[in-house]
Amino acid sequence: MIQLTIESGDVTTFECDALVLKYAQAFYGADATVAAALTRGRGRQAKINPGPNDHVIIPSKGAIAANKVLFVGVVPLFRFEYAEIRAFVVRALTILSGETADIRHVAMTIHGVNTGLDEREAFLAQLGGIMDAEQKGVLVERVSIVERQAARASRLTAILSEIWPDSRTPKASGKLLRQPQQVRDVGVKSRVD
């Protein structure tokens, strides 16, 4: 079972086996910051621009706290909606499970909230993707959603606790045993028009 935690912090200083970021055919926010850190001092040797059906895994070599960084190519940001969030998460966890057997703890940010998507719905789409990946048998044991805004991390924690009332711990971790209806449909039935 995948354990899920919500963490308030900075993805560049968060320790994990792999940090998952999207590449929406340009850099934005956390992915821009991490890409800059990974390429600094390497003479731009790291190629970080995967197309929508591609990905790249880069060893961090101490540039950030995560051991590796997975950049998954996705559609341009204006087309990255709830269904794409869900599919992105499944794809990322499947890639890490299939290509790198040493990945047990994965970190990622919340997606879509700074591009006009509803925070709750975006988070539920991400949870749905984690649960879909778990049902596919990925080897990842723990996923941490890292959010630098403490208020947002608190709201995400509340949503997680609402869905899994038995998961109320200081880090709001929950084992993803079942898919509640509100998570099952996000990104499947919801679309932004």
N, C-alpha and C. Protein backbone atom coordinates (compact mmCIF):
# COMPACT_ATOMS: atom_id res chain seq x y z
N MET A 1 0.83 -1.19 0.00
CA MET A 1 0.00 0.00 0.00
C MET A 1 0.87 1.25 0.00
N ILE A 2 0.47 2.22 -0.76
CA ILE A 2 1.19 3.49 -0.79
C ILE A 2 0.75 4.34 0.39
N GLN A 3 1.72 4.85 1.12
CA GLN A 3 1.44 5.79 2.20
C GLN A 3 1.54 7.19 1.63
N LEU A 4 0.56 8.03 1.94
CA LEU A 4 0.53 9.40 1.44
C LEU A 4 0.73 10.36 2.59
N THR A 5 1.61 11.35 2.40
CA THR A 5 1.79 12.40 3.41
C THR A 5 1.73 13.76 2.73
N ILE A 6 1.24 14.72 3.47
CA ILE A 6 1.24 16.11 3.04
C ILE A 6 2.32 16.79 3.86
N GLU A 7 3.24 17.45 3.21
CA GLU A 7 4.36 18.09 3.89
C GLU A 7 4.39 19.57 3.54
N SER A 8 4.59 20.40 4.54
CA SER A 8 4.78 21.83 4.31
C SER A 8 6.28 22.06 4.20
N GLY A 9 6.73 22.54 3.05
CA GLY A 9 8.16 22.74 2.88
C GLY A 9 8.53 23.09 1.45
N ASP A 10 9.81 22.99 1.17
CA ASP A 10 10.39 23.34 -0.12
C ASP A 10 10.87 22.05 -0.79
N VAL A 11 10.46 21.80 -2.02
CA VAL A 11 10.85 20.56 -2.70
C VAL A 11 12.35 20.45 -2.91
N THR A 12 13.05 21.57 -2.95
CA THR A 12 14.50 21.49 -3.17
C THR A 12 15.25 20.98 -1.94
N THR A 13 14.63 21.09 -0.76
CA THR A 13 15.29 20.64 0.47
C THR A 13 14.60 19.42 1.08
N PHE A 14 13.63 18.86 0.37
CA PHE A 14 12.89 17.71 0.89
C PHE A 14 13.59 16.42 0.47
N GLU A 15 13.94 15.60 1.44
CA GLU A 15 14.67 14.36 1.17
C GLU A 15 13.73 13.25 0.74
N CYS A 16 14.04 12.64 -0.38
CA CYS A 16 13.26 11.52 -0.91
C CYS A 16 14.12 10.81 -1.96
N ASP A 17 13.64 9.67 -2.40
CA ASP A 17 14.36 8.94 -3.45
C ASP A 17 14.23 9.64 -4.80
N ALA A 18 13.02 10.14 -5.09
CA ALA A 18 12.81 10.81 -6.37
C ALA A 18 11.78 11.92 -6.23
N LEU A 19 12.07 13.02 -6.87
CA LEU A 19 11.13 14.14 -6.97
C LEU A 19 10.52 14.08 -8.36
N VAL A 20 9.20 14.13 -8.44
CA VAL A 20 8.49 14.09 -9.72
C VAL A 20 8.01 15.50 -10.06
N LEU A 21 8.34 15.94 -11.27
CA LEU A 21 7.90 17.25 -11.77
C LEU A 21 7.39 17.08 -13.19
N LYS A 22 6.49 17.96 -13.58
CA LYS A 22 6.03 17.93 -14.96
C LYS A 22 6.83 18.94 -15.77
N TYR A 23 6.94 18.68 -17.04
CA TYR A 23 7.51 19.64 -17.98
C TYR A 23 6.41 19.92 -18.99
N ALA A 24 5.74 21.07 -18.82
CA ALA A 24 4.59 21.44 -19.65
C ALA A 24 5.05 22.21 -20.88
N GLN A 25 6.09 21.73 -21.52
CA GLN A 25 6.69 22.30 -22.72
C GLN A 25 7.27 23.69 -22.48
N ALA A 26 7.46 24.01 -21.21
CA ALA A 26 8.17 25.20 -20.73
C ALA A 26 8.30 25.01 -19.22
N PHE A 27 9.16 25.80 -18.59
CA PHE A 27 9.34 25.72 -17.15
C PHE A 27 8.47 26.74 -16.42
N TYR A 28 7.91 26.30 -15.29
CA TYR A 28 7.08 27.15 -14.43
C TYR A 28 7.33 26.75 -12.98
N GLY A 29 7.39 27.70 -12.08
CA GLY A 29 7.42 27.40 -10.64
C GLY A 29 8.52 26.46 -10.20
N ALA A 30 8.11 25.41 -9.47
CA ALA A 30 9.06 24.47 -8.87
C ALA A 30 9.92 23.77 -9.92
N ASP A 31 9.33 23.43 -11.06
CA ASP A 31 10.14 22.73 -12.08
C ASP A 31 11.24 23.64 -12.63
N ALA A 32 10.95 24.93 -12.73
CA ALA A 32 11.97 25.90 -13.19
C ALA A 32 13.10 26.01 -12.17
N THR A 33 12.73 26.07 -10.90
CA THR A 33 13.73 26.18 -9.82
C THR A 33 14.62 24.95 -9.77
N VAL A 34 14.00 23.78 -9.83
CA VAL A 34 14.76 22.53 -9.77
C VAL A 34 15.63 22.35 -11.01
N ALA A 35 15.10 22.64 -12.18
CA ALA A 35 15.89 22.52 -13.42
C ALA A 35 17.11 23.43 -13.36
N ALA A 36 16.94 24.64 -12.85
CA ALA A 36 18.07 25.57 -12.74
C ALA A 36 19.13 25.01 -11.79
N ALA A 37 18.69 24.44 -10.68
CA ALA A 37 19.64 23.86 -9.72
C ALA A 37 20.37 22.67 -10.31
N LEU A 38 19.67 21.84 -11.07
CA LEU A 38 20.28 20.65 -11.66
C LEU A 38 21.28 20.99 -12.76
N THR A 39 21.03 22.05 -13.50
CA THR A 39 21.93 22.40 -14.60
C THR A 39 23.06 23.31 -14.18
N ARG A 40 22.91 24.00 -13.05
CA ARG A 40 23.97 24.89 -12.55
C ARG A 40 25.24 24.08 -12.30
N GLY A 41 26.33 24.52 -12.86
CA GLY A 41 27.61 23.86 -12.65
C GLY A 41 27.83 22.63 -13.51
N ARG A 42 26.87 22.27 -14.31
CA ARG A 42 27.02 21.10 -15.18
C ARG A 42 27.23 21.52 -16.63
N GLY A 43 27.37 22.80 -16.86
CA GLY A 43 27.57 23.26 -18.22
C GLY A 43 26.40 22.92 -19.12
N ARG A 44 25.19 22.96 -18.55
CA ARG A 44 23.96 22.65 -19.30
C ARG A 44 23.99 21.24 -19.90
N GLN A 45 24.70 20.33 -19.24
CA GLN A 45 24.78 18.96 -19.76
C GLN A 45 23.48 18.20 -19.61
N ALA A 46 22.70 18.56 -18.61
CA ALA A 46 21.44 17.85 -18.40
C ALA A 46 20.38 18.39 -19.35
N LYS A 47 19.84 17.52 -20.17
CA LYS A 47 18.80 17.91 -21.13
C LYS A 47 17.44 17.70 -20.46
N ILE A 48 16.73 18.80 -20.24
CA ILE A 48 15.45 18.72 -19.54
C ILE A 48 14.38 19.38 -20.39
N ASN A 49 13.89 18.67 -21.37
CA ASN A 49 12.78 19.20 -22.17
C ASN A 49 12.02 18.06 -22.85
N PRO A 50 11.52 17.09 -22.04
CA PRO A 50 10.83 15.96 -22.64
C PRO A 50 9.52 16.38 -23.30
N GLY A 51 9.23 15.77 -24.44
CA GLY A 51 7.96 16.00 -25.11
C GLY A 51 6.82 15.37 -24.33
N PRO A 52 5.58 15.60 -24.74
CA PRO A 52 4.43 15.08 -24.01
C PRO A 52 4.39 13.57 -23.80
N ASN A 53 5.07 12.79 -24.58
CA ASN A 53 5.08 11.34 -24.38
C ASN A 53 6.44 10.82 -23.94
N ASP A 54 7.24 11.70 -23.36
CA ASP A 54 8.60 11.33 -23.00
C ASP A 54 8.86 11.72 -21.54
N HIS A 55 10.02 11.36 -21.06
CA HIS A 55 10.43 11.72 -19.70
C HIS A 55 11.96 11.66 -19.62
N VAL A 56 12.48 12.23 -18.56
CA VAL A 56 13.91 12.15 -18.30
C VAL A 56 14.11 12.04 -16.79
N ILE A 57 15.03 11.14 -16.39
CA ILE A 57 15.39 10.98 -14.99
C ILE A 57 16.81 11.48 -14.83
N ILE A 58 17.00 12.40 -13.90
CA ILE A 58 18.31 13.03 -13.71
C ILE A 58 18.77 12.82 -12.27
N PRO A 59 19.97 12.26 -12.06
CA PRO A 59 20.52 12.19 -10.71
C PRO A 59 20.79 13.62 -10.22
N SER A 60 20.42 13.91 -8.99
CA SER A 60 20.58 15.29 -8.50
C SER A 60 22.02 15.62 -8.14
N LYS A 61 22.82 14.62 -7.81
CA LYS A 61 24.22 14.83 -7.43
C LYS A 61 24.36 15.94 -6.38
N GLY A 62 23.41 15.99 -5.45
CA GLY A 62 23.48 16.95 -4.36
C GLY A 62 22.97 18.34 -4.68
N ALA A 63 22.53 18.58 -5.89
CA ALA A 63 22.01 19.91 -6.26
C ALA A 63 20.73 20.24 -5.51
N ILE A 64 19.94 19.20 -5.21
CA ILE A 64 18.75 19.32 -4.35
C ILE A 64 18.76 18.11 -3.43
N ALA A 65 17.85 18.04 -2.49
CA ALA A 65 17.87 16.96 -1.50
C ALA A 65 17.42 15.61 -2.07
N ALA A 66 16.54 15.60 -3.06
CA ALA A 66 16.09 14.34 -3.67
C ALA A 66 17.27 13.67 -4.37
N ASN A 67 17.30 12.35 -4.35
CA ASN A 67 18.37 11.63 -5.03
C ASN A 67 18.28 11.74 -6.54
N LYS A 68 17.06 11.66 -7.06
CA LYS A 68 16.82 11.74 -8.50
C LYS A 68 15.63 12.65 -8.75
N VAL A 69 15.55 13.15 -9.98
CA VAL A 69 14.41 13.96 -10.38
C VAL A 69 13.86 13.39 -11.69
N LEU A 70 12.56 13.15 -11.69
CA LEU A 70 11.88 12.69 -12.89
C LEU A 70 11.08 13.86 -13.45
N PHE A 71 11.40 14.26 -14.67
CA PHE A 71 10.61 15.26 -15.40
C PHE A 71 9.77 14.49 -16.41
N VAL A 72 8.47 14.62 -16.30
CA VAL A 72 7.56 13.96 -17.21
C VAL A 72 7.00 15.00 -18.17
N GLY A 73 7.17 14.78 -19.45
CA GLY A 73 6.63 15.69 -20.44
C GLY A 73 5.11 15.59 -20.50
N VAL A 74 4.45 16.74 -20.45
CA VAL A 74 2.98 16.79 -20.52
C VAL A 74 2.59 17.84 -21.55
N VAL A 75 1.30 17.95 -21.79
CA VAL A 75 0.79 18.96 -22.72
C VAL A 75 1.08 20.36 -22.17
N PRO A 76 1.01 21.38 -23.01
CA PRO A 76 1.21 22.75 -22.50
C PRO A 76 0.27 23.06 -21.33
N LEU A 77 0.74 23.91 -20.45
CA LEU A 77 0.05 24.18 -19.19
C LEU A 77 -1.41 24.57 -19.36
N PHE A 78 -1.76 25.34 -20.38
CA PHE A 78 -3.15 25.77 -20.56
C PHE A 78 -4.08 24.60 -20.89
N ARG A 79 -3.50 23.44 -21.25
CA ARG A 79 -4.30 22.25 -21.55
C ARG A 79 -4.18 21.19 -20.45
N PHE A 80 -3.46 21.49 -19.39
CA PHE A 80 -3.20 20.54 -18.31
C PHE A 80 -4.32 20.67 -17.27
N GLU A 81 -5.32 19.80 -17.39
CA GLU A 81 -6.51 19.86 -16.56
C GLU A 81 -6.59 18.65 -15.63
N TYR A 82 -7.74 18.42 -15.02
CA TYR A 82 -7.88 17.37 -14.02
C TYR A 82 -7.54 15.97 -14.57
N ALA A 83 -8.03 15.65 -15.73
CA ALA A 83 -7.73 14.33 -16.32
C ALA A 83 -6.24 14.19 -16.58
N GLU A 84 -5.61 15.27 -17.03
CA GLU A 84 -4.17 15.23 -17.30
C GLU A 84 -3.37 15.10 -16.00
N ILE A 85 -3.84 15.72 -14.93
CA ILE A 85 -3.16 15.57 -13.62
C ILE A 85 -3.18 14.11 -13.21
N ARG A 86 -4.34 13.52 -13.29
CA ARG A 86 -4.49 12.12 -12.88
C ARG A 86 -3.60 11.21 -13.72
N ALA A 87 -3.63 11.38 -15.03
CA ALA A 87 -2.81 10.55 -15.92
C ALA A 87 -1.31 10.78 -15.70
N PHE A 88 -0.92 12.03 -15.45
CA PHE A 88 0.47 12.38 -15.18
C PHE A 88 0.99 11.63 -13.96
N VAL A 89 0.20 11.60 -12.89
CA VAL A 89 0.62 10.93 -11.65
C VAL A 89 0.78 9.43 -11.89
N VAL A 90 -0.18 8.81 -12.56
CA VAL A 90 -0.09 7.38 -12.86
C VAL A 90 1.18 7.11 -13.68
N ARG A 91 1.37 7.91 -14.70
CA ARG A 91 2.53 7.73 -15.58
C ARG A 91 3.84 7.88 -14.82
N ALA A 92 3.94 8.91 -14.00
CA ALA A 92 5.17 9.15 -13.24
C ALA A 92 5.49 7.99 -12.30
N LEU A 93 4.50 7.54 -11.54
CA LEU A 93 4.74 6.46 -10.59
C LEU A 93 5.04 5.14 -11.32
N THR A 94 4.42 4.94 -12.46
CA THR A 94 4.69 3.74 -13.26
C THR A 94 6.12 3.78 -13.82
N ILE A 95 6.53 4.94 -14.31
CA ILE A 95 7.90 5.09 -14.82
C ILE A 95 8.91 4.77 -13.72
N LEU A 96 8.72 5.37 -12.56
CA LEU A 96 9.68 5.16 -11.46
C LEU A 96 9.68 3.72 -10.99
N SER A 97 8.55 3.08 -10.99
CA SER A 97 8.45 1.70 -10.57
C SER A 97 9.10 0.76 -11.58
N GLY A 98 9.01 1.11 -12.86
CA GLY A 98 9.54 0.24 -13.91
C GLY A 98 11.00 0.44 -14.23
N GLU A 99 11.49 1.66 -14.10
CA GLU A 99 12.86 1.96 -14.53
C GLU A 99 13.87 1.97 -13.40
N THR A 100 13.42 2.26 -12.21
CA THR A 100 14.37 2.40 -11.10
C THR A 100 13.81 1.69 -9.86
N ALA A 101 14.22 0.47 -9.65
CA ALA A 101 13.69 -0.35 -8.56
C ALA A 101 14.05 0.19 -7.18
N ASP A 102 15.00 1.13 -7.10
CA ASP A 102 15.42 1.64 -5.79
C ASP A 102 14.56 2.81 -5.30
N ILE A 103 13.51 3.15 -6.02
CA ILE A 103 12.67 4.28 -5.64
C ILE A 103 11.52 3.78 -4.76
N ARG A 104 11.53 4.19 -3.51
CA ARG A 104 10.48 3.82 -2.56
C ARG A 104 9.68 5.05 -2.11
N HIS A 105 10.37 6.18 -1.95
CA HIS A 105 9.73 7.41 -1.46
C HIS A 105 9.80 8.47 -2.55
N VAL A 106 8.63 8.91 -2.99
CA VAL A 106 8.51 9.89 -4.07
C VAL A 106 7.88 11.16 -3.52
N ALA A 107 8.39 12.30 -3.96
CA ALA A 107 7.79 13.59 -3.61
C ALA A 107 7.29 14.26 -4.88
N MET A 108 6.24 15.04 -4.74
CA MET A 108 5.71 15.83 -5.85
C MET A 108 5.00 17.04 -5.27
N THR A 109 4.74 18.00 -6.12
CA THR A 109 3.98 19.18 -5.71
C THR A 109 2.52 18.97 -6.09
N ILE A 110 1.66 19.85 -5.64
CA ILE A 110 0.26 19.85 -6.08
C ILE A 110 0.24 20.51 -7.46
N HIS A 111 -0.61 20.03 -8.33
CA HIS A 111 -0.63 20.52 -9.72
C HIS A 111 -1.93 21.24 -10.05
N GLY A 112 -1.82 22.26 -10.87
CA GLY A 112 -2.99 22.95 -11.41
C GLY A 112 -3.54 24.10 -10.59
N VAL A 113 -3.11 24.23 -9.34
CA VAL A 113 -3.72 25.24 -8.47
C VAL A 113 -3.31 26.67 -8.81
N ASN A 114 -2.20 26.84 -9.48
CA ASN A 114 -1.77 28.20 -9.85
C ASN A 114 -2.11 28.52 -11.31
N THR A 115 -2.92 27.67 -11.92
CA THR A 115 -3.31 27.90 -13.32
C THR A 115 -4.82 28.00 -13.49
N GLY A 116 -5.52 28.22 -12.40
CA GLY A 116 -6.96 28.42 -12.47
C GLY A 116 -7.80 27.21 -12.13
N LEU A 117 -7.19 26.06 -11.89
CA LEU A 117 -7.98 24.89 -11.51
C LEU A 117 -8.33 24.96 -10.03
N ASP A 118 -9.44 24.36 -9.67
CA ASP A 118 -9.89 24.32 -8.29
C ASP A 118 -8.93 23.48 -7.45
N GLU A 119 -8.50 24.03 -6.32
CA GLU A 119 -7.51 23.38 -5.46
C GLU A 119 -7.97 22.00 -5.00
N ARG A 120 -9.18 21.90 -4.51
CA ARG A 120 -9.70 20.62 -4.01
C ARG A 120 -9.78 19.60 -5.14
N GLU A 121 -10.35 20.00 -6.26
CA GLU A 121 -10.53 19.09 -7.40
C GLU A 121 -9.17 18.64 -7.94
N ALA A 122 -8.21 19.55 -8.00
CA ALA A 122 -6.87 19.20 -8.48
C ALA A 122 -6.21 18.19 -7.54
N PHE A 123 -6.36 18.42 -6.25
CA PHE A 123 -5.79 17.50 -5.26
C PHE A 123 -6.46 16.13 -5.35
N LEU A 124 -7.78 16.12 -5.51
CA LEU A 124 -8.49 14.84 -5.64
C LEU A 124 -8.07 14.11 -6.91
N ALA A 125 -7.82 14.84 -7.99
CA ALA A 125 -7.33 14.21 -9.22
C ALA A 125 -5.97 13.59 -8.97
N GLN A 126 -5.13 14.28 -8.21
CA GLN A 126 -3.81 13.75 -7.90
C GLN A 126 -3.92 12.50 -7.03
N LEU A 127 -4.80 12.53 -6.04
CA LEU A 127 -5.03 11.35 -5.21
C LEU A 127 -5.54 10.18 -6.06
N GLY A 128 -6.45 10.49 -6.98
CA GLY A 128 -6.96 9.45 -7.87
C GLY A 128 -5.85 8.81 -8.68
N GLY A 129 -4.92 9.62 -9.16
CA GLY A 129 -3.78 9.10 -9.91
C GLY A 129 -2.90 8.20 -9.05
N ILE A 130 -2.69 8.60 -7.80
CA ILE A 130 -1.89 7.77 -6.89
C ILE A 130 -2.58 6.43 -6.67
N MET A 131 -3.90 6.47 -6.45
CA MET A 131 -4.65 5.23 -6.23
C MET A 131 -4.69 4.36 -7.48
N ASP A 132 -4.83 4.99 -8.65
CA ASP A 132 -4.79 4.22 -9.90
C ASP A 132 -3.45 3.53 -10.07
N ALA A 133 -2.37 4.24 -9.75
CA ALA A 133 -1.03 3.65 -9.86
C ALA A 133 -0.87 2.50 -8.87
N GLU A 134 -1.41 2.67 -7.68
CA GLU A 134 -1.34 1.62 -6.68
C GLU A 134 -2.06 0.36 -7.18
N GLN A 135 -3.21 0.55 -7.81
CA GLN A 135 -3.97 -0.59 -8.35
C GLN A 135 -3.21 -1.29 -9.48
N LYS A 136 -2.33 -0.55 -10.16
CA LYS A 136 -1.51 -1.14 -11.23
C LYS A 136 -0.32 -1.91 -10.66
N GLY A 137 -0.09 -1.78 -9.35
CA GLY A 137 0.98 -2.53 -8.71
C GLY A 137 2.33 -1.85 -8.70
N VAL A 138 2.36 -0.52 -8.72
CA VAL A 138 3.66 0.16 -8.67
C VAL A 138 4.39 -0.18 -7.37
N LEU A 139 5.70 -0.10 -7.40
CA LEU A 139 6.52 -0.48 -6.26
C LEU A 139 6.77 0.65 -5.27
N VAL A 140 6.32 1.85 -5.58
CA VAL A 140 6.50 2.99 -4.68
C VAL A 140 5.76 2.72 -3.38
N GLU A 141 6.41 3.03 -2.26
CA GLU A 141 5.79 2.79 -0.95
C GLU A 141 5.20 4.05 -0.33
N ARG A 142 5.78 5.20 -0.66
CA ARG A 142 5.34 6.44 -0.02
C ARG A 142 5.37 7.57 -1.04
N VAL A 143 4.32 8.41 -1.02
CA VAL A 143 4.26 9.61 -1.83
C VAL A 143 4.02 10.78 -0.89
N SER A 144 4.87 11.79 -1.00
CA SER A 144 4.72 13.01 -0.21
C SER A 144 4.36 14.15 -1.14
N ILE A 145 3.27 14.83 -0.85
CA ILE A 145 2.90 16.04 -1.57
C ILE A 145 3.53 17.18 -0.78
N VAL A 146 4.47 17.88 -1.39
CA VAL A 146 5.22 18.94 -0.72
C VAL A 146 4.67 20.28 -1.20
N GLU A 147 4.22 21.09 -0.25
CA GLU A 147 3.62 22.39 -0.55
C GLU A 147 4.31 23.46 0.28
N ARG A 148 4.84 24.47 -0.39
CA ARG A 148 5.57 25.52 0.34
C ARG A 148 4.67 26.50 1.06
N GLN A 149 3.41 26.63 0.65
CA GLN A 149 2.47 27.50 1.34
C GLN A 149 1.82 26.72 2.48
N ALA A 150 2.13 27.12 3.71
CA ALA A 150 1.64 26.39 4.88
C ALA A 150 0.11 26.34 4.92
N ALA A 151 -0.55 27.41 4.54
CA ALA A 151 -2.02 27.42 4.56
C ALA A 151 -2.58 26.40 3.58
N ARG A 152 -2.00 26.30 2.40
CA ARG A 152 -2.47 25.31 1.43
C ARG A 152 -2.18 23.90 1.93
N ALA A 153 -1.00 23.68 2.50
CA ALA A 153 -0.69 22.35 3.04
C ALA A 153 -1.70 21.96 4.11
N SER A 154 -2.11 22.92 4.90
CA SER A 154 -3.12 22.67 5.93
C SER A 154 -4.47 22.30 5.31
N ARG A 155 -4.85 23.00 4.23
CA ARG A 155 -6.12 22.68 3.56
C ARG A 155 -6.06 21.29 2.92
N LEU A 156 -4.93 20.94 2.32
CA LEU A 156 -4.78 19.61 1.72
C LEU A 156 -4.84 18.53 2.79
N THR A 157 -4.24 18.80 3.93
CA THR A 157 -4.29 17.88 5.07
C THR A 157 -5.74 17.67 5.50
N ALA A 158 -6.51 18.76 5.55
CA ALA A 158 -7.92 18.66 5.94
C ALA A 158 -8.71 17.83 4.94
N ILE A 159 -8.44 18.01 3.66
CA ILE A 159 -9.14 17.22 2.63
C ILE A 159 -8.79 15.74 2.79
N LEU A 160 -7.52 15.45 3.00
CA LEU A 160 -7.10 14.06 3.17
C LEU A 160 -7.76 13.45 4.41
N SER A 161 -7.81 14.21 5.49
CA SER A 161 -8.44 13.72 6.72
C SER A 161 -9.94 13.52 6.55
N GLU A 162 -10.56 14.34 5.71
CA GLU A 162 -11.99 14.20 5.42
C GLU A 162 -12.26 12.90 4.65
N ILE A 163 -11.39 12.59 3.72
CA ILE A 163 -11.58 11.39 2.89
C ILE A 163 -11.24 10.14 3.69
N TRP A 164 -10.17 10.18 4.46
CA TRP A 164 -9.77 9.07 5.32
C TRP A 164 -9.71 9.54 6.76
N PRO A 165 -10.85 9.56 7.47
CA PRO A 165 -10.87 10.07 8.85
C PRO A 165 -9.88 9.38 9.78
N ASP A 166 -9.55 8.13 9.50
CA ASP A 166 -8.62 7.40 10.35
C ASP A 166 -7.17 7.78 10.09
N SER A 167 -6.93 8.71 9.17
CA SER A 167 -5.56 9.08 8.82
C SER A 167 -5.09 10.34 9.54
N ARG A 168 -5.80 10.75 10.58
CA ARG A 168 -5.45 11.99 11.28
C ARG A 168 -4.18 11.79 12.12
N THR A 169 -3.08 12.20 11.56
CA THR A 169 -1.80 12.19 12.27
C THR A 169 -1.17 13.55 12.03
N PRO A 170 -0.09 13.90 12.74
CA PRO A 170 0.52 15.21 12.51
C PRO A 170 0.88 15.48 11.06
N LYS A 171 1.21 14.45 10.29
CA LYS A 171 1.56 14.67 8.88
C LYS A 171 0.41 14.29 7.96
N ALA A 172 -0.74 13.98 8.52
CA ALA A 172 -1.92 13.60 7.73
C ALA A 172 -1.59 12.52 6.73
N SER A 173 -0.98 11.47 7.20
CA SER A 173 -0.66 10.39 6.29
C SER A 173 -1.82 9.41 6.26
N GLY A 174 -2.02 8.82 5.14
CA GLY A 174 -3.09 7.84 5.01
C GLY A 174 -2.66 6.75 4.06
N LYS A 175 -2.99 5.53 4.39
CA LYS A 175 -2.72 4.44 3.47
C LYS A 175 -3.89 4.36 2.52
N LEU A 176 -3.59 4.26 1.26
CA LEU A 176 -4.61 4.34 0.23
C LEU A 176 -5.22 2.96 -0.04
N LEU A 177 -6.18 2.59 0.79
CA LEU A 177 -6.78 1.27 0.69
C LEU A 177 -7.95 1.22 -0.29
N ARG A 178 -8.76 2.26 -0.30
CA ARG A 178 -9.95 2.23 -1.13
C ARG A 178 -10.12 3.58 -1.80
N GLN A 179 -10.83 3.59 -2.90
CA GLN A 179 -11.06 4.84 -3.62
C GLN A 179 -12.45 5.36 -3.30
N PRO A 180 -12.55 6.41 -2.49
CA PRO A 180 -13.86 7.00 -2.23
C PRO A 180 -14.44 7.54 -3.54
N GLN A 181 -15.75 7.60 -3.62
CA GLN A 181 -16.43 8.06 -4.83
C GLN A 181 -15.93 9.41 -5.28
N GLN A 182 -15.71 10.34 -4.34
CA GLN A 182 -15.28 11.69 -4.72
C GLN A 182 -13.92 11.70 -5.39
N VAL A 183 -13.08 10.70 -5.14
CA VAL A 183 -11.77 10.60 -5.78
C VAL A 183 -11.87 9.79 -7.07
N ARG A 184 -12.70 8.76 -7.05
CA ARG A 184 -12.82 7.85 -8.18
C ARG A 184 -13.20 8.58 -9.47
N ASP A 185 -14.04 9.61 -9.38
CA ASP A 185 -14.55 10.28 -10.57
C ASP A 185 -13.73 11.48 -11.04
N VAL A 186 -12.85 12.00 -10.21
CA VAL A 186 -12.11 13.21 -10.57
C VAL A 186 -11.14 12.91 -11.70
N GLY A 187 -11.20 13.75 -12.72
CA GLY A 187 -10.34 13.56 -13.88
C GLY A 187 -10.89 12.55 -14.85
N VAL A 188 -11.92 11.84 -14.44
CA VAL A 188 -12.59 10.90 -15.32
C VAL A 188 -13.87 11.55 -15.83
N LYS A 189 -14.63 12.14 -14.89
CA LYS A 189 -15.88 12.78 -15.27
C LYS A 189 -15.79 14.30 -15.32
N SER A 190 -14.78 14.87 -14.66
CA SER A 190 -14.67 16.33 -14.60
C SER A 190 -13.75 16.84 -15.71
N ARG A 191 -14.18 17.87 -16.37
CA ARG A 191 -13.38 18.53 -17.40
C ARG A 191 -13.62 20.01 -17.30
N VAL A 192 -12.60 20.80 -17.57
CA VAL A 192 -12.74 22.25 -17.62
C VAL A 192 -13.04 22.60 -19.07
N ASP A 193 -14.11 23.32 -19.32
CA ASP A 193 -14.46 23.71 -20.70
C ASP A 193 -14.22 25.18 -20.92
